[in-house]
Amino acid sequence: MDVLTSMLRRPAEELRQRLFIGPAGACAEKLDAYLPAGVQRIMLWPVKDELRQLGALREQVIPLAYVSLGEEPP
């Protein structure tokens, strides 16, 4: 987090609230806030081990977000 706070010049707490950092459930909750508004795209910035992070998003986070909306993931 220290690297991101200095690079983005934002407080750590602000980044924790906005960025998809942490366990799948926490990331899904953040995504849940955007889906009802009709968001169709999100910008991702994997900072390390990109394929693993994108795979985790697809396999763990997105399904949780759709379930909370009562829908089946694509």
N, C-alpha and C. Protein backbone atom coordinates (compact mmCIF):
# COMPACT_ATOMS: atom_id res chain seq x y z
N MET A 1 0.82 -1.19 0.00
CA MET A 1 0.00 0.00 0.00
C MET A 1 0.87 1.25 0.00
N ASP A 2 2.01 1.19 0.65
CA ASP A 2 2.90 2.36 0.71
C ASP A 2 3.32 2.82 -0.69
N VAL A 3 3.60 1.86 -1.55
CA VAL A 3 4.01 2.21 -2.91
C VAL A 3 2.87 2.94 -3.63
N LEU A 4 1.66 2.43 -3.48
CA LEU A 4 0.51 3.06 -4.15
C LEU A 4 0.21 4.45 -3.60
N THR A 5 0.28 4.60 -2.29
CA THR A 5 -0.03 5.90 -1.71
C THR A 5 0.94 6.97 -2.20
N SER A 6 2.21 6.61 -2.28
CA SER A 6 3.17 7.61 -2.75
C SER A 6 3.05 7.83 -4.26
N MET A 7 2.79 6.77 -5.01
CA MET A 7 2.67 6.89 -6.45
C MET A 7 1.43 7.69 -6.86
N LEU A 8 0.31 7.42 -6.19
CA LEU A 8 -0.95 8.08 -6.54
C LEU A 8 -1.21 9.35 -5.74
N ARG A 9 -0.36 9.58 -4.75
CA ARG A 9 -0.49 10.76 -3.87
C ARG A 9 -1.89 10.86 -3.26
N ARG A 10 -2.31 9.73 -2.73
CA ARG A 10 -3.61 9.64 -2.06
C ARG A 10 -3.41 8.94 -0.71
N PRO A 11 -4.23 9.29 0.27
CA PRO A 11 -4.13 8.63 1.57
C PRO A 11 -4.49 7.14 1.45
N ALA A 12 -3.87 6.32 2.26
CA ALA A 12 -4.11 4.88 2.23
C ALA A 12 -5.58 4.55 2.44
N GLU A 13 -6.24 5.23 3.36
CA GLU A 13 -7.65 4.92 3.63
C GLU A 13 -8.53 5.17 2.41
N GLU A 14 -8.26 6.24 1.67
CA GLU A 14 -9.01 6.52 0.44
C GLU A 14 -8.81 5.40 -0.58
N LEU A 15 -7.57 4.94 -0.72
CA LEU A 15 -7.29 3.87 -1.66
C LEU A 15 -7.96 2.57 -1.23
N ARG A 16 -7.95 2.27 0.06
CA ARG A 16 -8.60 1.05 0.55
C ARG A 16 -10.10 1.08 0.26
N GLN A 17 -10.70 2.23 0.33
CA GLN A 17 -12.14 2.35 0.07
C GLN A 17 -12.48 2.21 -1.41
N ARG A 18 -11.61 2.66 -2.28
CA ARG A 18 -11.93 2.72 -3.71
C ARG A 18 -11.35 1.60 -4.55
N LEU A 19 -10.17 1.11 -4.19
CA LEU A 19 -9.50 0.14 -5.04
C LEU A 19 -9.87 -1.28 -4.66
N PHE A 20 -9.79 -2.17 -5.63
CA PHE A 20 -10.07 -3.59 -5.40
C PHE A 20 -8.82 -4.21 -4.80
N ILE A 21 -8.63 -3.99 -3.52
CA ILE A 21 -7.50 -4.54 -2.78
C ILE A 21 -8.08 -5.33 -1.61
N GLY A 22 -7.65 -6.57 -1.46
CA GLY A 22 -8.10 -7.35 -0.32
C GLY A 22 -8.75 -8.65 -0.74
N PRO A 23 -9.45 -9.28 0.20
CA PRO A 23 -10.11 -10.56 -0.07
C PRO A 23 -11.22 -10.42 -1.11
N ALA A 24 -11.56 -11.54 -1.74
CA ALA A 24 -12.57 -11.54 -2.80
C ALA A 24 -13.89 -10.93 -2.32
N GLY A 25 -14.31 -11.25 -1.11
CA GLY A 25 -15.58 -10.72 -0.60
C GLY A 25 -15.58 -9.20 -0.50
N ALA A 26 -14.47 -8.64 -0.04
CA ALA A 26 -14.37 -7.18 0.08
C ALA A 26 -14.37 -6.53 -1.30
N CYS A 27 -13.69 -7.14 -2.24
CA CYS A 27 -13.68 -6.60 -3.60
C CYS A 27 -15.06 -6.70 -4.25
N ALA A 28 -15.76 -7.80 -3.99
CA ALA A 28 -17.11 -7.97 -4.54
C ALA A 28 -18.06 -6.91 -3.98
N GLU A 29 -17.92 -6.57 -2.72
CA GLU A 29 -18.76 -5.52 -2.13
C GLU A 29 -18.54 -4.19 -2.84
N LYS A 30 -17.29 -3.89 -3.16
CA LYS A 30 -17.01 -2.65 -3.89
C LYS A 30 -17.63 -2.69 -5.28
N LEU A 31 -17.51 -3.83 -5.94
CA LEU A 31 -18.11 -3.98 -7.27
C LEU A 31 -19.62 -3.89 -7.20
N ASP A 32 -20.20 -4.45 -6.15
CA ASP A 32 -21.66 -4.39 -5.94
C ASP A 32 -22.18 -2.97 -5.96
N ALA A 33 -21.40 -2.06 -5.47
CA ALA A 33 -21.84 -0.66 -5.41
C ALA A 33 -21.95 -0.04 -6.80
N TYR A 34 -21.20 -0.57 -7.76
CA TYR A 34 -21.21 -0.01 -9.12
C TYR A 34 -22.21 -0.69 -10.06
N LEU A 35 -22.42 -1.99 -9.91
CA LEU A 35 -23.26 -2.72 -10.85
C LEU A 35 -24.70 -2.20 -10.93
N PRO A 36 -25.38 -1.90 -9.83
CA PRO A 36 -26.76 -1.40 -9.93
C PRO A 36 -26.85 -0.07 -10.68
N ALA A 37 -25.76 0.66 -10.73
CA ALA A 37 -25.76 1.95 -11.43
C ALA A 37 -25.61 1.76 -12.94
N GLY A 38 -25.43 0.51 -13.37
CA GLY A 38 -25.31 0.25 -14.80
C GLY A 38 -23.90 0.26 -15.34
N VAL A 39 -22.92 0.24 -14.46
CA VAL A 39 -21.53 0.24 -14.92
C VAL A 39 -21.29 -1.01 -15.77
N GLN A 40 -20.72 -0.81 -16.94
CA GLN A 40 -20.43 -1.92 -17.84
C GLN A 40 -18.94 -2.20 -17.97
N ARG A 41 -18.11 -1.25 -17.56
CA ARG A 41 -16.67 -1.44 -17.63
C ARG A 41 -16.02 -0.87 -16.37
N ILE A 42 -14.99 -1.54 -15.94
CA ILE A 42 -14.17 -1.02 -14.85
C ILE A 42 -12.72 -1.07 -15.33
N MET A 43 -11.93 -0.17 -14.85
CA MET A 43 -10.52 -0.14 -15.19
C MET A 43 -9.74 -0.89 -14.12
N LEU A 44 -8.90 -1.80 -14.56
CA LEU A 44 -8.09 -2.58 -13.63
C LEU A 44 -6.63 -2.26 -13.84
N TRP A 45 -5.91 -2.32 -12.76
CA TRP A 45 -4.49 -2.06 -12.81
C TRP A 45 -3.78 -3.07 -11.92
N PRO A 46 -3.63 -4.30 -12.42
CA PRO A 46 -2.89 -5.28 -11.62
C PRO A 46 -1.45 -4.82 -11.46
N VAL A 47 -0.95 -4.83 -10.25
CA VAL A 47 0.39 -4.30 -10.02
C VAL A 47 1.45 -5.39 -9.90
N LYS A 48 1.03 -6.64 -9.77
CA LYS A 48 1.98 -7.73 -9.65
C LYS A 48 1.26 -9.03 -10.00
N ASP A 49 1.92 -9.90 -10.71
CA ASP A 49 1.35 -11.19 -11.08
C ASP A 49 -0.03 -10.99 -11.72
N GLU A 50 -0.02 -10.28 -12.83
CA GLU A 50 -1.25 -9.83 -13.48
C GLU A 50 -2.22 -10.97 -13.80
N LEU A 51 -1.72 -12.05 -14.36
CA LEU A 51 -2.61 -13.15 -14.73
C LEU A 51 -3.29 -13.77 -13.52
N ARG A 52 -2.58 -13.90 -12.43
CA ARG A 52 -3.18 -14.45 -11.21
C ARG A 52 -4.27 -13.51 -10.67
N GLN A 53 -3.98 -12.22 -10.67
CA GLN A 53 -4.96 -11.25 -10.18
C GLN A 53 -6.20 -11.22 -11.06
N LEU A 54 -6.02 -11.21 -12.37
CA LEU A 54 -7.18 -11.19 -13.27
C LEU A 54 -7.98 -12.49 -13.17
N GLY A 55 -7.29 -13.61 -13.01
CA GLY A 55 -7.98 -14.88 -12.81
C GLY A 55 -8.79 -14.89 -11.52
N ALA A 56 -8.23 -14.35 -10.46
CA ALA A 56 -8.95 -14.29 -9.19
C ALA A 56 -10.18 -13.39 -9.31
N LEU A 57 -10.05 -12.30 -10.03
CA LEU A 57 -11.20 -11.42 -10.24
C LEU A 57 -12.31 -12.18 -10.96
N ARG A 58 -11.93 -12.86 -12.04
CA ARG A 58 -12.92 -13.58 -12.84
C ARG A 58 -13.55 -14.75 -12.07
N GLU A 59 -12.73 -15.49 -11.33
CA GLU A 59 -13.21 -16.71 -10.70
C GLU A 59 -13.81 -16.50 -9.31
N GLN A 60 -13.36 -15.47 -8.60
CA GLN A 60 -13.79 -15.30 -7.20
C GLN A 60 -14.63 -14.06 -6.97
N VAL A 61 -14.25 -12.94 -7.53
CA VAL A 61 -14.92 -11.67 -7.22
C VAL A 61 -16.20 -11.49 -8.02
N ILE A 62 -16.11 -11.62 -9.32
CA ILE A 62 -17.28 -11.37 -10.17
C ILE A 62 -18.45 -12.30 -9.82
N PRO A 63 -18.23 -13.60 -9.62
CA PRO A 63 -19.37 -14.44 -9.23
C PRO A 63 -20.02 -13.98 -7.92
N LEU A 64 -19.25 -13.56 -6.94
CA LEU A 64 -19.83 -13.07 -5.69
C LEU A 64 -20.68 -11.84 -5.91
N ALA A 65 -20.22 -10.95 -6.76
CA ALA A 65 -20.97 -9.72 -7.04
C ALA A 65 -22.30 -10.04 -7.71
N TYR A 66 -22.31 -10.94 -8.67
CA TYR A 66 -23.55 -11.29 -9.35
C TYR A 66 -24.52 -11.99 -8.40
N VAL A 67 -24.02 -12.87 -7.55
CA VAL A 67 -24.88 -13.57 -6.60
C VAL A 67 -25.58 -12.58 -5.69
N SER A 68 -24.87 -11.56 -5.25
CA SER A 68 -25.48 -10.58 -4.35
C SER A 68 -26.58 -9.79 -5.05
N LEU A 69 -26.52 -9.74 -6.38
CA LEU A 69 -27.58 -9.05 -7.15
C LEU A 69 -28.72 -10.02 -7.51
N GLY A 70 -28.55 -11.28 -7.16
CA GLY A 70 -29.57 -12.29 -7.48
C GLY A 70 -29.51 -12.71 -8.93
N GLU A 71 -28.35 -12.60 -9.55
CA GLU A 71 -28.20 -12.96 -10.96
C GLU A 71 -27.13 -14.03 -11.11
N GLU A 72 -27.16 -14.69 -12.25
CA GLU A 72 -26.12 -15.66 -12.59
C GLU A 72 -24.98 -14.93 -13.29
N PRO A 73 -23.74 -15.24 -12.93
CA PRO A 73 -22.62 -14.62 -13.65
C PRO A 73 -22.58 -15.08 -15.09
N PRO A 74 -22.04 -14.25 -15.97
CA PRO A 74 -21.98 -14.63 -17.39
C PRO A 74 -20.99 -15.76 -17.61
